């Protein structure tokens, strides 16, 4: 009887051990499957995050391109405004025919020079040039010849000045 009982206990222990081993293997398999599922979900989340970043990077590239284009246009506009401003300043301060300073600019420069000479206690020399009988040249030879005379007198006068003279 004890032998038969020992046999039944052995078979039961073997069966229980096999069942326990199978349960352990099944449990390990389920744990691995759950770990794999967790890793897949984690991978999907990371991929979604990377996709979001990629979309944001695309928008940022467009934004940088647009801002760069606007900055370039702004620089061109500033350059153009400065160029036009210089031309307007030249027109506002220079006689168109003779290309020498007009009365407004001469008076401005003279005022600045008088103030500077006064501060430095330095002498200042002012000279004026008059073309005698210029009205007769205009009346007798015409305004075109009168303009040529004015241009030539201005050229000779400018060539007679020293580098610091106005």
Protein backbone atom coordinates (compact mmCIF):
# COMPACT_ATOMS: atom_id res chain seq x y z
CA UNK A 1 0.00 0.00 0.00
CA UNK A 2 2.82 2.38 0.92
CA UNK A 3 4.58 1.55 -2.26
CA UNK A 4 1.48 2.31 -4.25
CA UNK A 5 1.01 5.45 -2.25
CA UNK A 6 4.65 6.45 -2.92
CA UNK A 7 4.05 5.83 -6.63
CA UNK A 8 0.95 8.02 -6.62
CA UNK A 9 2.82 10.74 -4.69
CA UNK A 10 5.75 10.53 -7.16
CA UNK A 11 3.38 10.72 -10.13
CA UNK A 12 1.57 13.60 -8.42
CA UNK A 13 4.86 15.38 -7.68
CA UNK A 14 6.04 14.86 -11.26
CA UNK A 15 2.70 16.04 -12.62
CA UNK A 16 2.69 18.98 -10.21
CA UNK A 17 6.29 19.82 -11.15
CA UNK A 18 5.44 19.63 -14.85
CA UNK A 19 2.34 21.73 -14.28
CA UNK A 20 4.35 24.20 -12.20
CA UNK A 21 7.06 24.31 -14.91
CA UNK A 22 4.43 24.81 -17.61
CA UNK A 23 2.77 27.51 -15.49
CA UNK A 24 6.15 29.17 -14.94
CA UNK A 25 6.91 29.04 -18.69
CA UNK A 26 3.41 30.32 -19.50
CA UNK A 27 3.80 33.11 -16.97
CA UNK A 28 7.24 34.04 -18.34
CA UNK A 29 5.79 34.05 -21.86
CA UNK A 30 2.94 36.29 -20.75
CA UNK A 31 5.39 38.59 -18.96
CA UNK A 32 7.50 38.77 -22.13
CA UNK A 33 4.42 39.46 -24.24
CA UNK A 34 3.31 42.20 -21.84
CA UNK A 35 6.85 43.66 -21.88
CA UNK A 36 6.85 43.52 -25.69
CA UNK A 37 3.43 45.19 -25.77
CA UNK A 38 4.70 47.88 -23.36
CA UNK A 39 7.78 48.42 -25.55
CA UNK A 40 5.61 48.63 -28.71
CA UNK A 41 3.36 51.23 -27.05
CA UNK A 42 6.41 53.13 -25.83
CA UNK A 43 7.90 52.96 -29.33
CA UNK A 44 4.62 54.18 -30.87
CA UNK A 45 4.55 57.11 -28.42
CA UNK A 46 8.16 58.00 -29.27
CA UNK A 47 7.37 57.78 -32.99
CA UNK A 48 4.33 60.06 -32.52
CA UNK A 49 6.53 62.48 -30.58
CA UNK A 50 9.15 62.44 -33.36
CA UNK A 51 6.42 63.04 -35.95
CA UNK A 52 5.18 66.05 -33.96
CA UNK A 53 8.73 67.40 -33.73
CA UNK A 54 9.20 66.86 -37.47
CA UNK A 55 6.01 68.79 -38.22
CA UNK A 56 7.09 71.60 -35.88
CA UNK A 57 10.53 71.66 -37.53
CA UNK A 58 8.89 71.98 -40.94
CA UNK A 59 6.83 74.92 -39.69
CA UNK A 60 9.91 76.46 -38.10
CA UNK A 61 11.83 76.13 -41.37
CA UNK A 62 9.02 77.93 -43.20
CA UNK A 63 8.85 80.56 -40.50
CA UNK A 64 12.61 81.13 -40.62
CA UNK A 65 12.44 81.37 -44.42
CA UNK A 66 9.63 83.91 -44.30
CA UNK A 67 11.32 85.97 -41.58
CA UNK A 68 14.59 85.86 -43.53
CA UNK A 69 12.80 87.02 -46.66
CA UNK A 70 11.16 89.89 -44.77
CA UNK A 71 14.52 90.87 -43.24
CA UNK A 72 16.11 90.84 -46.68
CA UNK A 73 13.28 92.99 -48.03
CA UNK A 74 13.65 95.29 -45.05
CA UNK A 75 17.39 95.66 -45.70
CA UNK A 76 16.76 96.39 -49.37
CA UNK A 77 14.09 98.91 -48.39
CA UNK A 78 16.41 100.61 -45.87
CA UNK A 79 19.18 100.72 -48.49
CA UNK A 80 16.78 102.20 -51.05
CA UNK A 81 15.42 104.78 -48.57
CA UNK A 82 18.98 105.82 -47.64
CA UNK A 83 19.88 106.13 -51.32
CA UNK A 84 16.78 108.20 -52.06
CA UNK A 85 17.43 110.26 -48.93
CA UNK A 86 20.97 111.03 -50.10
CA UNK A 87 19.65 112.00 -53.53
CA UNK A 88 16.94 114.19 -51.96
CA UNK A 89 19.51 115.78 -49.65
CA UNK A 90 21.76 116.45 -52.64
CA UNK A 91 18.85 118.01 -54.53
CA UNK A 92 17.88 120.10 -51.50
CA UNK A 93 21.41 121.42 -50.91
CA UNK A 94 22.91 121.64 -54.40
CA UNK A 95 22.19 123.84 -57.38
CA UNK A 96 21.08 121.57 -60.19
CA UNK A 97 22.81 123.53 -62.94
CA UNK A 98 26.22 124.26 -61.42
CA UNK A 99 26.40 121.34 -58.94
CA UNK A 100 27.63 123.70 -56.19
CA UNK A 101 25.96 124.31 -52.83
CA UNK A 102 22.77 126.37 -53.03
CA UNK A 103 22.01 129.39 -50.88
CA UNK A 104 20.34 127.36 -48.11
CA UNK A 105 23.39 125.06 -47.79
CA UNK A 106 25.88 127.91 -48.02
CA UNK A 107 24.10 129.79 -45.22
CA UNK A 108 23.98 126.63 -43.09
CA UNK A 109 27.70 125.92 -43.66
CA UNK A 110 28.56 129.58 -43.00
CA UNK A 111 26.64 129.52 -39.71
CA UNK A 112 28.49 126.33 -38.62
CA UNK A 113 31.86 127.79 -39.65
CA UNK A 114 31.23 131.07 -37.81
CA UNK A 115 30.25 129.15 -34.65
CA UNK A 116 33.34 126.89 -34.90
CA UNK A 117 35.69 129.81 -35.56
CA UNK A 118 34.16 131.73 -32.66
CA UNK A 119 34.60 128.79 -30.26
CA UNK A 120 38.20 128.25 -31.38
CA UNK A 121 38.94 132.00 -31.46
CA UNK A 122 40.18 131.57 -35.02
CA UNK A 123 39.81 134.00 -37.93
CA UNK A 124 37.37 133.23 -40.73
CA UNK A 125 37.47 134.50 -44.29
CA UNK A 126 34.38 134.82 -46.46
CA UNK A 127 34.56 135.72 -50.15
CA UNK A 128 31.81 136.38 -52.67
CA UNK A 129 31.98 136.10 -56.43
CA UNK A 130 29.80 138.14 -58.75
CA UNK A 131 29.55 137.84 -62.52
CA UNK A 132 29.36 141.39 -63.87
CA UNK A 133 26.89 142.08 -66.66
CA UNK A 134 25.47 138.56 -66.47
CA UNK A 135 21.99 139.85 -67.36
CA UNK A 136 23.42 141.23 -70.62
CA UNK A 137 24.86 137.75 -71.45
CA UNK A 138 21.43 136.18 -70.89
CA UNK A 139 19.64 138.93 -72.85
CA UNK A 140 22.13 139.05 -75.74
CA UNK A 141 23.17 135.38 -76.11
CA UNK A 142 20.19 133.59 -74.56
CA UNK A 143 19.63 131.60 -71.39
CA UNK A 144 21.33 128.49 -72.74
CA UNK A 145 24.62 130.37 -73.17
CA UNK A 146 24.04 132.05 -69.80
CA UNK A 147 23.70 128.58 -68.23
CA UNK A 148 26.97 127.50 -69.87
CA UNK A 149 28.69 130.60 -68.50
CA UNK A 150 27.39 129.82 -64.98
CA UNK A 151 28.59 126.21 -65.26
CA UNK A 152 32.05 127.28 -66.43
CA UNK A 153 32.41 129.96 -63.73
CA UNK A 154 31.38 127.40 -61.06
CA UNK A 155 33.91 124.89 -62.43
CA UNK A 156 36.75 127.45 -62.41
CA UNK A 157 35.77 128.61 -58.91
CA UNK A 158 35.67 125.04 -57.55
CA UNK A 159 39.07 124.26 -59.09
CA UNK A 160 40.49 127.36 -57.38
CA UNK A 161 39.52 126.25 -53.87
CA UNK A 162 41.81 124.56 -51.42
CA UNK A 163 40.80 121.09 -50.13
CA UNK A 164 39.22 122.45 -46.89
CA UNK A 165 37.51 125.43 -48.52
CA UNK A 166 33.79 125.56 -49.17
